[in-house]
Structure formats: structure tokens, C-alpha cells
Amino acid sequence: MGVLSDKISREQLKPGDHIYSWRTAHIYAHHGIFTVEGMVIHFTRASFPEIDTGTESDHNTAAPSHPLDPPCPRCGYHLRLRGGVISTCLDCFLHGGDLYLFRYDVSLAFFIAKFRGGTCTLAAADPTEVVIHRATFLLQHGFGVYQIFKNNCEDFAIYCKTGLLVFTNTSVGLSGQAVALFAIVSAIISSPLRFLTTGFTGLAVIGWAMFSVSRLVSDLAIRRDVIKVSVERLVAYSGLDEQSISNMTEKDFITETMMEE
């Protein structure tokens, strides 16, 4: 495990680990929190969004399983029907893919060297018991409506590990994958430095520099629009609906946190 790959074996897993598995030829990754007894809590999109509110109770109201595609005999997971925050066995989470560990509190050099977003962060993780508590609490209460750029599986796992949440109405959440996509676009079309050279090498260096800077300033350890909030307060405030969160201010979060302490 290192700069080139964060692939790990099942024997290396520990409760509270933030894990991920690449999907569709490494185009994107699915993230979750490993708990105990080979189970993973993760946030997914439902195949039937009209019945999905992001809570485990939705799993019992979905349409019947297709007879040719039965639920998992171990955890009962059904790929086509379940959505929201769910708990499944590790096999269902991996869906035939390899197992990778998301790394926290990495060095600046390591972060810059990791070209792929959604694999590490400069931010430190909280203690294991806190991480497990957040994940299990959200398993019962949900994490809102799945949104690919603002509220996805990586956002869920990062929140469980750090308690950090974006409190401004931005176009992207905490997801390193989403941030990397925006960084690529920024590197290609936004930098006036691209006019300083027409050579391929020069353009590549400038593009890499702009991409790296964009990723760095968007990391949750650097961003100014994130703040720590307890999972109980988060759910009590808004049910994690986007409009409620975007209307809250940093002062609201700080006040509530001080009251709890």
C-alpha cells in the first residue's frame, strides 16, 4: 500500500476503516465504512427514487426481487432495489471489485503524488468508536437524497470519519472524485497560463500544476466552508435536506456545538 496503490487484503481490515472499490474500468469508486463481522455501511442510489428517503426503512418497501436476481443469502442485499444508507456484507459492497483503503492525515507530498481523487485527504480521522457511531446512526436515520456531486457515497464515508460537512451552497461536496473532475476542467479551460506555451510538455506541466493546486485547495483539510457537527445535531436540524443545510451558517453550527459541549 502506497502512492501507486492503496489496495489491501481483507485480513488487513479494521472496524472504522474507510474503504472503496473501483467500478466500471476504474472510472469511479464506491465508498463505505467497514464495521464488524464483515459488514460495510455505505450510501447508495435507489433504483426506485420515488420510495427512497435515504433510510434503512425504505429497503422493506421496495418492489419484489426479480426471480433471476435473488438477494444476497448472507445480508439480504438486492442490487437493483436497495438505496440510501445500507449495511451489506463485504462481498456485496465490492461487487466483484478489489478492496482499497482511503487514507487520512497524509503528507502534502503524498497527496500531490496521488493523481486520482477520492483516495486520500490531508485531514485527520476521528477515533474508531466515533466513526462507527456516526455510520450506525445514519444507517437508521439516513443521509438525505443521493446527489452525484454534492451528497454521494464518498461524502458519506468522509463525514463518518471526520464529522466534517460543507455548510455553504457550493457546486461540489467533500468527495475527492467530484473535486478531481472539477479540477481537471479548471486546469483545461480556466488558467490563463495555458497561453504561455504551445508545446505539449509545457502545456502538460501547466495543466498538472493547475490540477494539483485545484485539488489541494478543495481538500477538506484546507477548505474554509466545512465545519464539524455531531451526527445527532445534523439529523435533528434538517434530515439532511439540501436546502436546510445550505441555509444554515457557520455560526449556527458553532453555536450548537458549544451548547452540546
Protein backbone atom coordinates (compact mmCIF):
# COMPACT_ATOMS: atom_id res chain seq x y z
CA MET A 1 0.00 0.00 0.00
CA GLY A 2 1.46 3.34 -1.02
CA VAL A 3 1.47 6.07 -3.66
CA LEU A 4 0.88 3.70 -6.55
CA SER A 5 -1.88 1.67 -4.93
CA ASP A 6 -3.89 1.53 -1.70
CA LYS A 7 -5.10 -1.99 -2.35
CA ILE A 8 -5.34 -4.10 0.81
CA SER A 9 -6.36 -7.63 1.78
CA ARG A 10 -9.43 -8.48 3.83
CA GLU A 11 -7.17 -9.59 6.68
CA GLN A 12 -5.86 -6.02 6.99
CA LEU A 13 -9.31 -4.50 7.54
CA LYS A 14 -10.14 -2.90 10.88
CA PRO A 15 -13.51 -1.61 12.16
CA GLY A 16 -13.98 2.01 11.20
CA ASP A 17 -11.87 1.81 8.05
CA HIS A 18 -12.98 3.91 5.09
CA ILE A 19 -12.79 1.56 2.14
CA TYR A 20 -13.58 1.81 -1.55
CA SER A 21 -13.72 -0.31 -4.68
CA TRP A 22 -13.35 0.85 -8.25
CA ARG A 23 -16.24 0.37 -10.65
CA THR A 24 -16.56 0.30 -14.46
CA ALA A 25 -12.91 0.14 -15.53
CA HIS A 26 -11.76 2.45 -12.70
CA ILE A 27 -13.94 5.33 -13.89
CA TYR A 28 -15.36 5.86 -10.40
CA ALA A 29 -15.22 4.25 -6.96
CA HIS A 30 -17.82 3.24 -4.40
CA HIS A 31 -17.05 4.13 -0.76
CA GLY A 32 -18.17 2.82 2.62
CA ILE A 33 -17.30 2.26 6.28
CA PHE A 34 -16.22 -1.21 7.38
CA THR A 35 -17.84 -2.09 10.70
CA VAL A 36 -17.73 -5.56 12.26
CA GLU A 37 -18.23 -9.17 11.21
CA GLY A 38 -17.51 -8.45 7.56
CA MET A 39 -20.22 -5.80 7.17
CA VAL A 40 -19.99 -2.42 5.44
CA ILE A 41 -22.25 0.61 5.87
CA HIS A 42 -22.47 2.66 2.69
CA PHE A 43 -24.65 5.17 0.84
CA THR A 44 -26.20 4.18 -2.49
CA ARG A 45 -28.65 5.41 -5.06
CA ALA A 46 -32.01 3.65 -5.16
CA SER A 47 -33.33 2.11 -8.35
CA PHE A 48 -36.73 3.48 -7.35
CA PRO A 49 -36.08 7.07 -6.17
CA GLU A 50 -39.75 7.75 -5.52
CA ILE A 51 -39.57 5.50 -2.46
CA ASP A 52 -36.06 6.42 -1.33
CA THR A 53 -35.58 8.87 1.53
CA GLY A 54 -32.13 7.65 2.50
CA THR A 55 -33.16 5.48 5.45
CA GLU A 56 -32.99 1.76 6.02
CA SER A 57 -36.81 1.54 6.28
CA ASP A 58 -37.04 2.13 2.53
CA HIS A 59 -35.44 -1.26 1.93
CA ASN A 60 -38.56 -3.04 3.15
CA THR A 61 -40.93 -1.12 0.85
CA ALA A 62 -39.26 -1.75 -2.48
CA ALA A 63 -40.77 -3.84 -5.24
CA PRO A 64 -40.32 -7.63 -5.11
CA SER A 65 -36.98 -9.03 -6.21
CA HIS A 66 -36.63 -10.40 -9.70
CA PRO A 67 -36.64 -14.20 -9.52
CA LEU A 68 -33.49 -14.40 -11.67
CA ASP A 69 -31.62 -11.94 -9.46
CA PRO A 70 -32.17 -13.06 -5.83
CA PRO A 71 -31.00 -11.11 -2.76
CA CYS A 72 -27.68 -11.99 -1.15
CA PRO A 73 -28.19 -15.02 1.12
CA ARG A 74 -25.90 -13.55 3.76
CA CYS A 75 -27.00 -9.92 4.10
CA GLY A 76 -30.22 -9.78 2.06
CA TYR A 77 -28.88 -7.04 -0.20
CA HIS A 78 -30.52 -6.67 -3.61
CA LEU A 79 -28.50 -4.54 -6.02
CA ARG A 80 -31.42 -3.28 -8.11
CA LEU A 81 -33.78 -2.38 -5.30
CA ARG A 82 -31.99 -1.01 -2.27
CA GLY A 83 -30.92 2.58 -1.84
CA GLY A 84 -29.99 5.08 0.86
CA VAL A 85 -27.69 4.22 3.76
CA ILE A 86 -27.46 0.44 3.92
CA SER A 87 -25.47 -2.30 5.63
CA THR A 88 -24.25 -5.17 3.46
CA CYS A 89 -21.61 -7.84 3.55
CA LEU A 90 -18.19 -7.01 2.15
CA ASP A 91 -18.76 -9.16 -0.94
CA CYS A 92 -21.87 -7.19 -1.91
CA PHE A 93 -20.05 -3.91 -1.30
CA LEU A 94 -17.11 -4.92 -3.50
CA HIS A 95 -19.42 -6.26 -6.23
CA GLY A 96 -16.57 -8.30 -7.67
CA GLY A 97 -14.01 -5.49 -7.41
CA ASP A 98 -10.79 -5.16 -5.43
CA LEU A 99 -10.56 -3.67 -1.94
CA TYR A 100 -8.82 -0.34 -1.29
CA LEU A 101 -8.22 1.76 1.83
CA PHE A 102 -8.91 5.51 1.83
CA ARG A 103 -6.06 7.23 3.67
CA TYR A 104 -6.33 10.11 6.14
CA ASP A 105 -3.77 12.56 7.52
CA VAL A 106 -1.40 12.04 4.59
CA SER A 107 1.55 14.31 3.89
CA LEU A 108 1.35 17.09 1.34
CA ALA A 109 3.84 15.30 -0.91
CA PHE A 110 1.79 12.10 -0.80
CA PHE A 111 -1.43 13.98 -1.55
CA ILE A 112 0.05 15.73 -4.59
CA ALA A 113 1.56 12.46 -5.85
CA LYS A 114 -1.83 10.72 -5.82
CA PHE A 115 -3.22 11.64 -9.21
CA ARG A 116 -6.64 10.07 -8.64
CA GLY A 117 -9.07 11.97 -6.47
CA GLY A 118 -11.12 10.14 -3.86
CA THR A 119 -8.22 8.13 -2.43
CA CYS A 120 -6.79 10.24 0.41
CA THR A 121 -7.01 13.51 2.33
CA LEU A 122 -4.82 15.75 4.45
CA ALA A 123 -7.50 15.75 7.17
CA ALA A 124 -7.22 13.52 10.23
CA ALA A 125 -9.81 10.88 11.07
CA ASP A 126 -11.68 10.63 14.37
CA PRO A 127 -11.44 7.66 16.78
CA THR A 128 -12.92 4.36 15.63
CA GLU A 129 -15.81 4.36 18.10
CA VAL A 130 -16.93 7.79 16.90
CA VAL A 131 -16.75 6.71 13.26
CA ILE A 132 -18.82 3.58 13.91
CA HIS A 133 -21.38 5.59 15.89
CA ARG A 134 -21.90 8.06 13.04
CA ALA A 135 -22.25 5.29 10.47
CA THR A 136 -24.73 3.25 12.50
CA PHE A 137 -26.74 6.35 13.44
CA LEU A 138 -27.06 7.35 9.80
CA LEU A 139 -27.99 3.77 8.92
CA GLN A 140 -31.15 4.34 10.95
CA HIS A 141 -31.79 7.99 10.08
CA GLY A 142 -30.47 8.38 6.53
CA PHE A 143 -28.08 10.75 4.81
CA GLY A 144 -30.54 12.63 2.62
CA VAL A 145 -31.02 12.30 -1.11
CA TYR A 146 -28.11 10.93 -3.11
CA GLN A 147 -26.53 13.53 -5.40
CA ILE A 148 -23.55 12.64 -7.53
CA PHE A 149 -21.58 15.87 -6.89
CA LYS A 150 -22.84 17.10 -3.52
CA ASN A 151 -24.01 14.15 -1.44
CA ASN A 152 -22.59 10.84 -2.59
CA CYS A 153 -21.05 7.70 -1.08
CA GLU A 154 -17.66 9.34 -0.59
CA ASP A 155 -19.24 12.35 1.14
CA PHE A 156 -20.98 9.90 3.48
CA ALA A 157 -17.81 7.97 4.32
CA ILE A 158 -15.76 11.14 4.83
CA TYR A 159 -18.41 12.58 7.13
CA CYS A 160 -18.41 9.36 9.18
CA LYS A 161 -14.62 9.50 9.51
CA THR A 162 -14.26 13.23 10.26
CA GLY A 163 -17.62 14.73 11.21
CA LEU A 164 -16.97 17.47 8.65
CA LEU A 165 -19.69 18.82 6.42
CA VAL A 166 -19.92 21.54 3.77
CA PHE A 167 -22.22 24.27 5.10
CA THR A 168 -22.31 26.52 2.04
CA ASN A 169 -24.32 26.01 -1.14
CA THR A 170 -21.41 25.07 -3.39
CA SER A 171 -21.42 23.02 -6.57
CA VAL A 172 -19.38 20.20 -5.02
CA GLY A 173 -19.28 18.45 -1.65
CA LEU A 174 -16.39 16.72 0.13
CA SER A 175 -15.95 14.00 -2.49
CA GLY A 176 -12.42 13.85 -3.84
CA GLN A 177 -13.70 12.24 -7.03
CA ALA A 178 -16.03 15.16 -7.72
CA VAL A 179 -13.32 17.65 -6.79
CA ALA A 180 -10.87 15.97 -9.17
CA LEU A 181 -13.35 16.24 -12.02
CA PHE A 182 -13.81 19.94 -11.43
CA ALA A 183 -10.04 20.34 -11.08
CA ILE A 184 -9.49 18.74 -14.49
CA VAL A 185 -11.99 21.08 -16.11
CA SER A 186 -10.38 24.04 -14.35
CA ALA A 187 -6.91 23.02 -15.49
CA ILE A 188 -8.05 22.76 -19.09
CA ILE A 189 -10.16 25.88 -19.59
CA SER A 190 -9.66 28.28 -16.69
CA SER A 191 -5.97 29.02 -16.47
CA PRO A 192 -4.52 31.97 -18.47
CA LEU A 193 -1.14 30.27 -18.07
CA ARG A 194 -2.02 27.93 -20.93
CA PHE A 195 -1.28 30.78 -23.34
CA LEU A 196 2.36 30.98 -22.19
CA THR A 197 3.36 27.91 -24.16
CA THR A 198 2.20 25.93 -27.16
CA GLY A 199 4.46 22.92 -26.62
CA PHE A 200 2.96 19.69 -25.40
CA THR A 201 5.41 19.39 -22.48
CA GLY A 202 4.77 22.94 -21.33
CA LEU A 203 1.02 22.53 -21.53
CA ALA A 204 1.26 19.25 -19.61
CA VAL A 205 3.30 20.85 -16.81
CA ILE A 206 0.93 23.81 -16.53
CA GLY A 207 -2.09 21.53 -16.61
CA TRP A 208 -0.63 19.28 -13.90
CA ALA A 209 0.22 22.29 -11.71
CA MET A 210 -3.27 23.78 -12.03
CA PHE A 211 -4.87 20.41 -11.42
CA SER A 212 -2.79 19.82 -8.29
CA VAL A 213 -3.49 23.28 -6.88
CA SER A 214 -7.22 22.90 -7.53
CA ARG A 215 -7.27 19.54 -5.74
CA LEU A 216 -5.25 20.89 -2.82
CA VAL A 217 -7.38 23.96 -2.12
CA SER A 218 -10.51 21.79 -2.36
CA ASP A 219 -9.32 19.22 0.19
CA LEU A 220 -11.45 19.22 3.33
CA ALA A 221 -8.41 20.00 5.49
CA ILE A 222 -7.88 23.24 3.53
CA ARG A 223 -11.40 24.35 2.62
CA ARG A 224 -12.99 27.17 4.61
CA ASP A 225 -16.59 26.07 4.03
CA VAL A 226 -16.50 22.91 6.16
CA ILE A 227 -17.21 22.55 9.85
CA LYS A 228 -17.52 19.75 12.38
CA VAL A 229 -21.03 18.85 13.55
CA SER A 230 -22.37 15.93 15.56
CA VAL A 231 -24.43 13.34 13.71
CA GLU A 232 -27.35 13.81 16.12
CA ARG A 233 -27.42 17.56 15.52
CA LEU A 234 -27.06 17.07 11.79
CA VAL A 235 -30.07 14.78 11.56
CA ALA A 236 -32.14 16.81 14.04
CA TYR A 237 -31.57 20.02 12.12
CA SER A 238 -32.61 19.11 8.65
CA GLY A 239 -32.98 15.46 7.87
CA LEU A 240 -30.05 16.33 5.60
CA ASP A 241 -32.19 18.04 3.03
CA GLU A 242 -30.05 20.25 0.79
CA GLN A 243 -31.99 23.48 1.21
CA SER A 244 -31.92 23.29 5.00
CA ILE A 245 -28.18 22.70 5.08
CA SER A 246 -27.41 25.48 2.60
CA ASN A 247 -29.49 27.93 4.65
CA MET A 248 -27.50 27.17 7.80
CA THR A 249 -24.45 29.26 8.58
CA GLU A 250 -21.15 28.51 10.23
CA LYS A 251 -22.36 30.45 13.27
CA ASP A 252 -25.35 28.08 13.59
CA PHE A 253 -23.07 25.04 13.70
CA ILE A 254 -20.62 26.61 16.13
CA THR A 255 -23.39 27.69 18.49
CA GLU A 256 -24.95 24.24 18.56
CA THR A 257 -21.58 22.55 19.07
CA MET A 258 -20.75 24.82 22.01
CA MET A 259 -24.14 24.11 23.57
CA GLU A 260 -23.57 20.36 23.33
CA GLU A 261 -20.14 20.66 24.95
